C-alpha cells in the first residue's frame, strides 16, 4: 500500500466507518465458511471492525490486521462496548497485509470488500496472498472478495456523483459524500478516485475533507495465476455472497482457495 494513501489519513477513518458501518451483506458468507473450515479466523484489512466484531459475536476467534492506526482505534472503541466474551475472542493488530508474520495458523483467512485493490502492483498483491497462505492451517481456506474487473474497468471518469447524505450518529453532523473518478488506466488496471466528505457544523457552516486513492483491480485468470504461484492448488470462484456461479452480470468475484 502506498504510504500516502487516503486510507492512512487520520480523518478518513471516521468517514470510512460512517460509510460502511451498516453494510453487512457479506457477513453470512463468512459465517457459513467459518462454520465449514473452523473457528480460528484471520481478517486482513479489518478496518474499523465491521466484520471482525460481528464474527466474534457468532462465537469465532478473530485476529484483525490493519495498516491504519486510526482504523484500529475506532475498532477498539467499538470492541470496548461489547460483552467480555466477545472482547476475549478478538485481537487487533497493526501491520502491512503484504508483509506480516504471526505465530498462529488459522482455519479461515479472508480479505473482504476488494481491500486487495489497495495494493497497487501485482507483486504486492502476490506477497499479500503468499503471507495469507503461510498463515493457514493445513486444511484451512482463504477467501478474497473482489469487484469484477469489467466493473472496475468501465467506470465513467470525471463525473461527480453524490453517494449519500445522512446524519453521522457518531458526530451528530449531517454528512454528504461525493465521489469522482479522476483517472482510469486499463493497461495498469488502476483507477484513481477522489472521495469528498462535507460535514455541516451546528452553526450551519460546512467543512470539506478531500481524500484521493488508487485501486488496482485484477481479472479472474490473473487472480487464479497468482493464487497458484503462491501455492494454492484448489481454487473456486463465486459471483455473489450466496455462492452463485460467477457470470458476466455478477456484482462480486469471490475466490475460495486451499
Protein backbone atom coordinates (compact mmCIF):
# COMPACT_ATOMS: atom_id res chain seq x y z
CA UNK A 1 0.00 0.00 0.00
CA UNK A 2 1.30 3.42 -0.90
CA UNK A 3 2.41 5.37 2.20
CA UNK A 4 0.41 8.43 1.05
CA UNK A 5 -2.83 6.53 0.57
CA UNK A 6 -6.00 8.20 1.80
CA UNK A 7 -6.65 5.07 3.84
CA UNK A 8 -3.98 6.15 6.32
CA UNK A 9 -5.26 9.71 6.76
CA UNK A 10 -6.47 10.42 10.30
CA UNK A 11 -9.85 11.88 9.34
CA UNK A 12 -10.52 9.28 6.66
CA UNK A 13 -11.06 6.51 9.20
CA UNK A 14 -14.16 8.07 10.75
CA UNK A 15 -15.73 8.72 7.35
CA UNK A 16 -14.90 5.18 6.29
CA UNK A 17 -16.60 3.89 9.42
CA UNK A 18 -19.70 6.02 8.77
CA UNK A 19 -19.77 4.88 5.16
CA UNK A 20 -19.58 1.14 5.81
CA UNK A 21 -20.96 0.60 9.31
CA UNK A 22 -24.36 -0.53 8.05
CA UNK A 23 -23.06 -2.86 5.33
CA UNK A 24 -23.27 -6.49 6.43
CA UNK A 25 -24.35 -8.20 3.20
CA UNK A 26 -21.18 -10.30 3.24
CA UNK A 27 -21.37 -11.39 6.89
CA UNK A 28 -23.50 -14.54 6.30
CA UNK A 29 -20.98 -15.67 3.67
CA UNK A 30 -18.12 -15.57 6.19
CA UNK A 31 -20.21 -17.18 8.90
CA UNK A 32 -21.03 -20.06 6.54
CA UNK A 33 -17.38 -20.54 5.57
CA UNK A 34 -16.14 -20.24 9.15
CA UNK A 35 -18.56 -22.95 10.23
CA UNK A 36 -17.24 -25.12 7.41
CA UNK A 37 -13.50 -24.62 7.93
CA UNK A 38 -13.06 -23.79 11.61
CA UNK A 39 -13.34 -21.15 14.30
CA UNK A 40 -9.89 -19.51 14.13
CA UNK A 41 -10.17 -16.56 11.72
CA UNK A 42 -7.72 -14.05 10.28
CA UNK A 43 -9.09 -10.90 8.67
CA UNK A 44 -6.74 -8.75 6.61
CA UNK A 45 -7.67 -5.07 6.20
CA UNK A 46 -10.13 -5.37 9.08
CA UNK A 47 -10.71 -1.60 9.16
CA UNK A 48 -12.95 -0.43 11.97
CA UNK A 49 -14.22 -3.90 12.84
CA UNK A 50 -17.23 -4.03 10.54
CA UNK A 51 -16.89 -7.83 10.19
CA UNK A 52 -14.44 -8.57 13.00
CA UNK A 53 -16.82 -7.84 15.85
CA UNK A 54 -19.96 -9.49 14.41
CA UNK A 55 -17.95 -12.64 13.68
CA UNK A 56 -16.74 -12.67 17.29
CA UNK A 57 -20.35 -12.34 18.39
CA UNK A 58 -21.05 -15.51 16.39
CA UNK A 59 -18.51 -17.35 18.56
CA UNK A 60 -15.46 -17.28 16.30
CA UNK A 61 -11.99 -16.17 17.40
CA UNK A 62 -10.83 -13.37 15.11
CA UNK A 63 -7.45 -11.73 14.57
CA UNK A 64 -7.89 -8.47 12.67
CA UNK A 65 -4.88 -6.93 10.91
CA UNK A 66 -4.89 -3.40 9.52
CA UNK A 67 -2.30 -0.82 8.50
CA UNK A 68 -4.19 2.22 9.79
CA UNK A 69 -3.75 3.06 13.50
CA UNK A 70 -6.87 5.22 13.46
CA UNK A 71 -8.99 2.45 11.90
CA UNK A 72 -7.85 0.16 14.69
CA UNK A 73 -8.53 2.78 17.37
CA UNK A 74 -12.13 3.04 16.18
CA UNK A 75 -12.42 -0.75 16.12
CA UNK A 76 -11.04 -0.93 19.66
CA UNK A 77 -13.56 1.64 20.90
CA UNK A 78 -16.37 -0.43 19.40
CA UNK A 79 -14.95 -3.58 20.92
CA UNK A 80 -14.87 -1.95 24.36
CA UNK A 81 -18.67 -1.73 24.21
CA UNK A 82 -19.03 -5.49 23.68
CA UNK A 83 -19.55 -8.13 26.40
CA UNK A 84 -16.36 -9.67 27.87
CA UNK A 85 -16.86 -12.96 25.98
CA UNK A 86 -16.83 -11.11 22.65
CA UNK A 87 -13.83 -8.95 23.57
CA UNK A 88 -11.84 -12.03 24.54
CA UNK A 89 -12.32 -13.52 21.08
CA UNK A 90 -10.82 -10.53 19.20
CA UNK A 91 -7.21 -9.48 18.71
CA UNK A 92 -6.49 -6.29 16.74
CA UNK A 93 -3.03 -5.85 15.23
CA UNK A 94 -1.38 -3.11 13.21
CA UNK A 95 0.52 -4.41 10.21
CA UNK A 96 1.01 -4.37 6.46
CA UNK A 97 -1.09 -7.09 4.83
CA UNK A 98 1.52 -7.51 2.09
CA UNK A 99 4.29 -8.37 4.57
CA UNK A 100 3.41 -9.76 8.00
CA UNK A 101 4.36 -12.68 10.21
CA UNK A 102 2.22 -14.03 13.05
CA UNK A 103 2.84 -17.08 15.20
CA UNK A 104 -0.67 -18.54 14.79
CA UNK A 105 -2.22 -20.56 11.98
CA UNK A 106 -5.83 -20.01 11.02
CA UNK A 107 -8.70 -22.12 9.73
CA UNK A 108 -10.04 -19.31 7.56
CA UNK A 109 -8.25 -16.17 6.39
CA UNK A 110 -10.00 -13.54 4.33
CA UNK A 111 -9.62 -10.18 2.61
CA UNK A 112 -13.06 -8.55 2.35
CA UNK A 113 -14.63 -5.83 0.23
CA UNK A 114 -11.99 -5.51 -2.53
CA UNK A 115 -9.35 -4.47 0.01
CA UNK A 116 -6.70 -6.29 -2.04
CA UNK A 117 -7.04 -3.43 -4.55
CA UNK A 118 -5.30 -1.10 -2.07
CA UNK A 119 -2.08 -2.87 -3.11
CA UNK A 120 -1.02 -1.17 -6.33
CA UNK A 121 1.17 -3.79 -8.03
CA UNK A 122 0.86 -7.46 -8.87
CA UNK A 123 3.99 -8.08 -6.78
CA UNK A 124 2.43 -6.51 -3.66
CA UNK A 125 -0.78 -8.44 -4.18
CA UNK A 126 1.15 -11.70 -4.64
CA UNK A 127 3.16 -11.00 -1.48
CA UNK A 128 -0.07 -10.47 0.44
CA UNK A 129 -1.56 -13.74 -0.80
CA UNK A 130 1.67 -15.61 -0.04
CA UNK A 131 1.60 -14.27 3.54
CA UNK A 132 -2.03 -15.24 3.83
CA UNK A 133 -1.31 -18.79 2.66
CA UNK A 134 1.59 -19.20 5.11
CA UNK A 135 -0.78 -18.39 7.96
CA UNK A 136 -3.34 -21.07 7.11
CA UNK A 137 -3.75 -24.35 8.92
CA UNK A 138 -3.06 -27.40 6.76
CA UNK A 139 -6.73 -27.77 5.84
CA UNK A 140 -7.58 -24.07 6.03
CA UNK A 141 -9.03 -21.84 3.32
CA UNK A 142 -8.52 -18.32 2.06
CA UNK A 143 -11.30 -16.03 0.84
CA UNK A 144 -10.69 -12.96 -1.32
CA UNK A 145 -13.71 -10.82 -2.16
CA UNK A 146 -13.25 -8.55 -5.20
CA UNK A 147 -15.21 -6.33 -7.53
CA UNK A 148 -15.17 -7.93 -11.02
CA UNK A 149 -12.59 -6.42 -13.34
CA UNK A 150 -15.06 -5.34 -16.04
CA UNK A 151 -16.99 -3.29 -13.49
CA UNK A 152 -13.77 -1.58 -12.44
CA UNK A 153 -12.52 -1.00 -15.99
CA UNK A 154 -15.72 0.57 -17.33
CA UNK A 155 -16.26 3.42 -14.90
CA UNK A 156 -17.02 6.96 -16.00
CA UNK A 157 -14.13 9.38 -15.46
CA UNK A 158 -14.71 12.98 -14.46
CA UNK A 159 -18.32 12.74 -13.32
CA UNK A 160 -19.00 13.77 -9.72
CA UNK A 161 -21.82 11.90 -8.04
CA UNK A 162 -23.37 12.14 -4.63
CA UNK A 163 -23.17 8.82 -2.82
CA UNK A 164 -25.25 9.69 0.22
CA UNK A 165 -26.32 12.44 2.60
CA UNK A 166 -27.14 11.28 6.11
CA UNK A 167 -26.65 12.12 9.75
CA UNK A 168 -23.49 10.56 11.17
CA UNK A 169 -24.58 9.19 14.58
CA UNK A 170 -21.00 9.27 15.89
CA UNK A 171 -20.56 13.01 15.27
CA UNK A 172 -24.16 14.23 15.22
CA UNK A 173 -23.38 16.08 11.98
CA UNK A 174 -25.15 15.86 8.63
CA UNK A 175 -22.55 14.40 6.26
CA UNK A 176 -22.51 14.32 2.47
CA UNK A 177 -20.26 12.03 0.43
CA UNK A 178 -19.18 12.82 -3.14
CA UNK A 179 -17.04 10.65 -5.37
CA UNK A 180 -15.21 11.36 -8.60
CA UNK A 181 -13.09 9.05 -10.76
CA UNK A 182 -10.06 11.19 -11.63
CA UNK A 183 -8.30 8.76 -13.95
CA UNK A 184 -8.57 5.24 -15.32
CA UNK A 185 -5.63 3.29 -16.73
CA UNK A 186 -6.75 -0.01 -18.21
CA UNK A 187 -3.21 -1.08 -19.10
CA UNK A 188 -2.09 -0.77 -15.47
CA UNK A 189 -5.52 -1.85 -14.17
CA UNK A 190 -5.75 1.19 -11.94
CA UNK A 191 -8.40 3.75 -11.11
CA UNK A 192 -7.80 6.88 -9.04
CA UNK A 193 -10.74 8.13 -7.02
CA UNK A 194 -11.35 11.35 -5.12
CA UNK A 195 -13.55 10.98 -2.05
CA UNK A 196 -15.06 14.20 -0.68
CA UNK A 197 -16.94 14.37 2.62
CA UNK A 198 -18.80 17.53 3.61
CA UNK A 199 -19.85 17.96 7.24
CA UNK A 200 -22.40 20.53 8.33
CA UNK A 201 -21.48 22.11 11.66
CA UNK A 202 -24.19 23.00 14.23
CA UNK A 203 -23.97 26.68 13.16
CA UNK A 204 -24.59 25.75 9.51
CA UNK A 205 -21.01 26.10 8.33
CA UNK A 206 -19.75 23.37 6.03
CA UNK A 207 -16.32 21.78 6.23
CA UNK A 208 -14.94 19.63 3.44
CA UNK A 209 -12.45 16.77 3.66
CA UNK A 210 -10.93 15.52 0.40
CA UNK A 211 -9.07 12.23 0.02
CA UNK A 212 -7.55 10.62 -3.03
CA UNK A 213 -6.71 6.98 -3.53
CA UNK A 214 -5.77 4.50 -6.25
CA UNK A 215 -7.02 0.95 -6.63
CA UNK A 216 -5.54 -1.83 -8.77
CA UNK A 217 -8.08 -4.38 -9.98
CA UNK A 218 -7.37 -7.93 -11.15
CA UNK A 219 -9.04 -10.19 -13.70
CA UNK A 220 -10.20 -13.69 -12.89
CA UNK A 221 -7.44 -15.53 -14.73
CA UNK A 222 -4.70 -13.28 -13.30
CA UNK A 223 -6.02 -13.94 -9.81
CA UNK A 224 -6.03 -17.68 -10.44
CA UNK A 225 -2.43 -17.47 -11.69
CA UNK A 226 -1.24 -15.54 -8.63
CA UNK A 227 -3.02 -17.92 -6.26
CA UNK A 228 -1.36 -20.89 -7.96
CA UNK A 229 2.03 -19.15 -7.91
CA UNK A 230 1.90 -18.72 -4.13
CA UNK A 231 0.93 -22.34 -3.55
CA UNK A 232 -2.84 -22.71 -3.63
CA UNK A 233 -4.00 -25.77 -5.55
CA UNK A 234 -7.78 -25.81 -5.10
CA UNK A 235 -9.35 -22.58 -6.32
CA UNK A 236 -13.06 -21.85 -6.62
CA UNK A 237 -14.79 -18.61 -7.54
CA UNK A 238 -18.31 -17.34 -6.88
CA UNK A 239 -20.26 -14.37 -8.14
CA UNK A 240 -22.22 -13.48 -5.01
CA UNK A 241 -22.30 -13.76 -1.25
CA UNK A 242 -24.77 -16.63 -1.52
CA UNK A 243 -22.27 -18.64 -3.61
CA UNK A 244 -23.91 -18.26 -7.02
CA UNK A 245 -21.64 -19.03 -10.01
CA UNK A 246 -19.58 -16.18 -11.43
CA UNK A 247 -21.16 -14.68 -14.56
CA UNK A 248 -20.92 -11.53 -16.68
CA UNK A 249 -23.61 -9.92 -14.55
CA UNK A 250 -22.06 -10.80 -11.17
CA UNK A 251 -21.59 -7.96 -8.70
CA UNK A 252 -18.77 -9.77 -6.84
CA UNK A 253 -15.87 -12.11 -7.68
CA UNK A 254 -15.17 -14.19 -4.57
CA UNK A 255 -12.25 -16.63 -4.55
CA UNK A 256 -12.09 -19.51 -2.10
CA UNK A 257 -8.67 -21.20 -2.20
CA UNK A 258 -6.95 -24.04 -0.38
